[in-house]
Amino acid sequence: MQRIEISSHHVARMASHIAAASVEQSSSSNGIANEMDELIRLNEASSGSLAMVGQAVEQVEQAVNGLDQLVDFFRVV
């Protein structure tokens, strides 16, 4: 059986690498979470914009219907 010796310096260096990888992973996870938050915010903003566009379309349809009625009125007169 072969004996393997590991110095405290080597253990400290490995722990440092593990900690750095953990910080990098955490940073990456935070970056992904921030991107998801931004996508959710943009989706909510676009939903509000779509609702406003829908209301504008309804108003235009009402105006067109009103104009059609006005044209029909003058055809009769």
N, C-alpha and C. Protein backbone atom coordinates (compact mmCIF):
# COMPACT_ATOMS: atom_id res chain seq x y z
N MET A 1 0.84 -1.17 0.00
CA MET A 1 0.00 0.00 0.00
C MET A 1 0.89 1.23 0.00
N GLN A 2 0.55 2.16 -0.83
CA GLN A 2 1.36 3.37 -0.96
C GLN A 2 0.78 4.47 -0.10
N ARG A 3 1.64 5.16 0.58
CA ARG A 3 1.21 6.25 1.45
C ARG A 3 1.28 7.56 0.66
N ILE A 4 0.22 8.34 0.76
CA ILE A 4 0.19 9.63 0.08
C ILE A 4 0.19 10.71 1.14
N GLU A 5 1.11 11.62 1.00
CA GLU A 5 1.18 12.73 1.94
C GLU A 5 0.65 13.99 1.26
N ILE A 6 -0.19 14.68 1.98
CA ILE A 6 -0.75 15.94 1.47
C ILE A 6 -0.42 17.01 2.49
N SER A 7 0.21 18.05 2.01
CA SER A 7 0.60 19.13 2.92
C SER A 7 -0.59 20.02 3.23
N SER A 8 -0.50 20.73 4.33
CA SER A 8 -1.57 21.67 4.68
C SER A 8 -1.67 22.77 3.63
N HIS A 9 -0.55 23.11 3.00
CA HIS A 9 -0.56 24.11 1.93
C HIS A 9 -1.40 23.60 0.76
N HIS A 10 -1.23 22.32 0.42
CA HIS A 10 -1.98 21.73 -0.69
C HIS A 10 -3.49 21.71 -0.36
N VAL A 11 -3.82 21.35 0.88
CA VAL A 11 -5.22 21.33 1.30
C VAL A 11 -5.81 22.73 1.25
N ALA A 12 -5.05 23.72 1.72
CA ALA A 12 -5.52 25.11 1.69
C ALA A 12 -5.73 25.58 0.26
N ARG A 13 -4.83 25.19 -0.63
CA ARG A 13 -4.95 25.58 -2.04
C ARG A 13 -6.19 24.94 -2.66
N MET A 14 -6.45 23.66 -2.36
CA MET A 14 -7.64 22.98 -2.89
C MET A 14 -8.90 23.65 -2.34
N ALA A 15 -8.89 23.98 -1.06
CA ALA A 15 -10.04 24.66 -0.46
C ALA A 15 -10.28 26.01 -1.11
N SER A 16 -9.20 26.70 -1.42
CA SER A 16 -9.31 28.00 -2.09
C SER A 16 -9.93 27.84 -3.47
N HIS A 17 -9.52 26.81 -4.20
CA HIS A 17 -10.07 26.56 -5.54
C HIS A 17 -11.56 26.21 -5.45
N ILE A 18 -11.91 25.40 -4.45
CA ILE A 18 -13.32 25.03 -4.27
C ILE A 18 -14.14 26.27 -3.93
N ALA A 19 -13.61 27.11 -3.05
CA ALA A 19 -14.31 28.34 -2.68
C ALA A 19 -14.48 29.26 -3.89
N ALA A 20 -13.42 29.38 -4.70
CA ALA A 20 -13.49 30.23 -5.89
C ALA A 20 -14.53 29.69 -6.87
N ALA A 21 -14.55 28.37 -7.04
CA ALA A 21 -15.54 27.77 -7.94
C ALA A 21 -16.95 27.99 -7.40
N SER A 22 -17.10 27.90 -6.08
CA SER A 22 -18.40 28.13 -5.46
C SER A 22 -18.86 29.57 -5.68
N VAL A 23 -17.94 30.52 -5.50
CA VAL A 23 -18.27 31.94 -5.72
C VAL A 23 -18.63 32.17 -7.18
N GLU A 24 -17.88 31.55 -8.09
CA GLU A 24 -18.16 31.71 -9.52
C GLU A 24 -19.54 31.14 -9.85
N GLN A 25 -19.86 29.97 -9.29
CA GLN A 25 -21.17 29.36 -9.52
C GLN A 25 -22.27 30.24 -8.95
N SER A 26 -22.05 30.78 -7.76
CA SER A 26 -23.04 31.66 -7.14
C SER A 26 -23.25 32.91 -7.98
N SER A 27 -22.14 33.46 -8.48
CA SER A 27 -22.22 34.65 -9.32
C SER A 27 -22.99 34.34 -10.60
N SER A 28 -22.71 33.17 -11.17
CA SER A 28 -23.41 32.76 -12.39
C SER A 28 -24.90 32.59 -12.11
N SER A 29 -25.22 31.97 -10.97
CA SER A 29 -26.63 31.79 -10.60
C SER A 29 -27.31 33.13 -10.39
N ASN A 30 -26.61 34.06 -9.74
CA ASN A 30 -27.17 35.40 -9.54
C ASN A 30 -27.38 36.10 -10.87
N GLY A 31 -26.44 35.92 -11.80
CA GLY A 31 -26.58 36.51 -13.13
C GLY A 31 -27.80 35.97 -13.85
N ILE A 32 -28.00 34.66 -13.74
CA ILE A 32 -29.17 34.04 -14.38
C ILE A 32 -30.45 34.55 -13.72
N ALA A 33 -30.44 34.65 -12.39
CA ALA A 33 -31.62 35.16 -11.68
C ALA A 33 -31.92 36.59 -12.10
N ASN A 34 -30.88 37.40 -12.25
CA ASN A 34 -31.07 38.79 -12.68
C ASN A 34 -31.65 38.85 -14.08
N GLU A 35 -31.16 37.97 -14.97
CA GLU A 35 -31.68 37.93 -16.34
C GLU A 35 -33.16 37.51 -16.33
N MET A 36 -33.50 36.53 -15.50
CA MET A 36 -34.89 36.10 -15.41
C MET A 36 -35.77 37.23 -14.89
N ASP A 37 -35.29 37.95 -13.87
CA ASP A 37 -36.05 39.09 -13.34
C ASP A 37 -36.28 40.13 -14.43
N GLU A 38 -35.26 40.38 -15.23
CA GLU A 38 -35.38 41.36 -16.32
C GLU A 38 -36.39 40.89 -17.36
N LEU A 39 -36.35 39.59 -17.70
CA LEU A 39 -37.32 39.06 -18.66
C LEU A 39 -38.74 39.16 -18.12
N ILE A 40 -38.92 38.88 -16.83
CA ILE A 40 -40.24 38.99 -16.22
C ILE A 40 -40.72 40.44 -16.26
N ARG A 41 -39.81 41.37 -15.94
CA ARG A 41 -40.17 42.80 -15.96
C ARG A 41 -40.55 43.24 -17.37
N LEU A 42 -39.77 42.81 -18.36
CA LEU A 42 -40.08 43.18 -19.74
C LEU A 42 -41.41 42.57 -20.19
N ASN A 43 -41.66 41.33 -19.76
CA ASN A 43 -42.92 40.68 -20.11
C ASN A 43 -44.10 41.43 -19.51
N GLU A 44 -43.96 41.84 -18.25
CA GLU A 44 -45.03 42.61 -17.60
C GLU A 44 -45.24 43.94 -18.31
N ALA A 45 -44.14 44.59 -18.68
CA ALA A 45 -44.24 45.87 -19.38
C ALA A 45 -44.90 45.69 -20.74
N SER A 46 -44.52 44.63 -21.45
CA SER A 46 -45.11 44.41 -22.77
C SER A 46 -46.58 44.03 -22.65
N SER A 47 -46.93 43.32 -21.58
CA SER A 47 -48.34 42.97 -21.38
C SER A 47 -49.17 44.24 -21.18
N GLY A 48 -48.63 45.18 -20.42
CA GLY A 48 -49.32 46.46 -20.23
C GLY A 48 -49.45 47.20 -21.54
N SER A 49 -48.39 47.18 -22.34
CA SER A 49 -48.42 47.84 -23.65
C SER A 49 -49.44 47.18 -24.56
N LEU A 50 -49.49 45.85 -24.52
CA LEU A 50 -50.45 45.14 -25.36
C LEU A 50 -51.89 45.47 -24.95
N ALA A 51 -52.11 45.63 -23.66
CA ALA A 51 -53.45 46.00 -23.19
C ALA A 51 -53.82 47.38 -23.72
N MET A 52 -52.85 48.31 -23.70
CA MET A 52 -53.11 49.66 -24.21
C MET A 52 -53.38 49.62 -25.71
N VAL A 53 -52.64 48.80 -26.44
CA VAL A 53 -52.86 48.67 -27.88
C VAL A 53 -54.25 48.09 -28.13
N GLY A 54 -54.63 47.10 -27.33
CA GLY A 54 -55.97 46.51 -27.47
C GLY A 54 -57.06 47.55 -27.26
N GLN A 55 -56.89 48.40 -26.26
CA GLN A 55 -57.87 49.47 -26.01
C GLN A 55 -57.91 50.45 -27.17
N ALA A 56 -56.75 50.77 -27.71
CA ALA A 56 -56.70 51.70 -28.85
C ALA A 56 -57.41 51.09 -30.06
N VAL A 57 -57.20 49.81 -30.29
CA VAL A 57 -57.86 49.13 -31.41
C VAL A 57 -59.38 49.17 -31.22
N GLU A 58 -59.84 48.92 -30.00
CA GLU A 58 -61.28 48.99 -29.74
C GLU A 58 -61.83 50.38 -30.01
N GLN A 59 -61.09 51.41 -29.62
CA GLN A 59 -61.54 52.79 -29.86
C GLN A 59 -61.59 53.09 -31.35
N VAL A 60 -60.61 52.60 -32.09
CA VAL A 60 -60.61 52.81 -33.55
C VAL A 60 -61.80 52.09 -34.17
N GLU A 61 -62.07 50.86 -33.72
CA GLU A 61 -63.22 50.13 -34.23
C GLU A 61 -64.52 50.88 -33.95
N GLN A 62 -64.64 51.45 -32.76
CA GLN A 62 -65.84 52.22 -32.42
C GLN A 62 -65.95 53.45 -33.32
N ALA A 63 -64.82 54.10 -33.57
CA ALA A 63 -64.83 55.29 -34.44
C ALA A 63 -65.22 54.91 -35.86
N VAL A 64 -64.70 53.79 -36.36
CA VAL A 64 -65.05 53.34 -37.71
C VAL A 64 -66.53 53.00 -37.78
N ASN A 65 -67.04 52.33 -36.76
CA ASN A 65 -68.48 52.02 -36.74
C ASN A 65 -69.31 53.31 -36.73
N GLY A 66 -68.86 54.30 -35.97
CA GLY A 66 -69.56 55.58 -35.95
C GLY A 66 -69.55 56.25 -37.31
N LEU A 67 -68.41 56.20 -37.99
CA LEU A 67 -68.32 56.79 -39.34
C LEU A 67 -69.20 56.03 -40.32
N ASP A 68 -69.25 54.70 -40.20
CA ASP A 68 -70.13 53.91 -41.07
C ASP A 68 -71.58 54.31 -40.87
N GLN A 69 -71.97 54.51 -39.62
CA GLN A 69 -73.35 54.94 -39.34
C GLN A 69 -73.62 56.32 -39.92
N LEU A 70 -72.62 57.20 -39.83
CA LEU A 70 -72.78 58.55 -40.38
C LEU A 70 -72.92 58.49 -41.90
N VAL A 71 -72.11 57.66 -42.55
CA VAL A 71 -72.20 57.50 -44.01
C VAL A 71 -73.57 56.95 -44.38
N ASP A 72 -74.02 55.94 -43.64
CA ASP A 72 -75.35 55.37 -43.91
C ASP A 72 -76.45 56.42 -43.74
N PHE A 73 -76.32 57.27 -42.75
CA PHE A 73 -77.31 58.33 -42.50
C PHE A 73 -77.39 59.27 -43.70
N PHE A 74 -76.21 59.68 -44.22
CA PHE A 74 -76.23 60.61 -45.35
C PHE A 74 -76.67 59.95 -46.64
N ARG A 75 -76.53 58.65 -46.75
CA ARG A 75 -77.03 57.95 -47.93
C ARG A 75 -78.55 57.99 -47.95
N VAL A 76 -79.13 57.87 -46.77
CA VAL A 76 -80.59 57.89 -46.66
C VAL A 76 -81.11 59.28 -46.95
N VAL A 77 -80.40 60.29 -46.46
CA VAL A 77 -80.84 61.68 -46.62
C VAL A 77 -80.55 62.10 -48.01
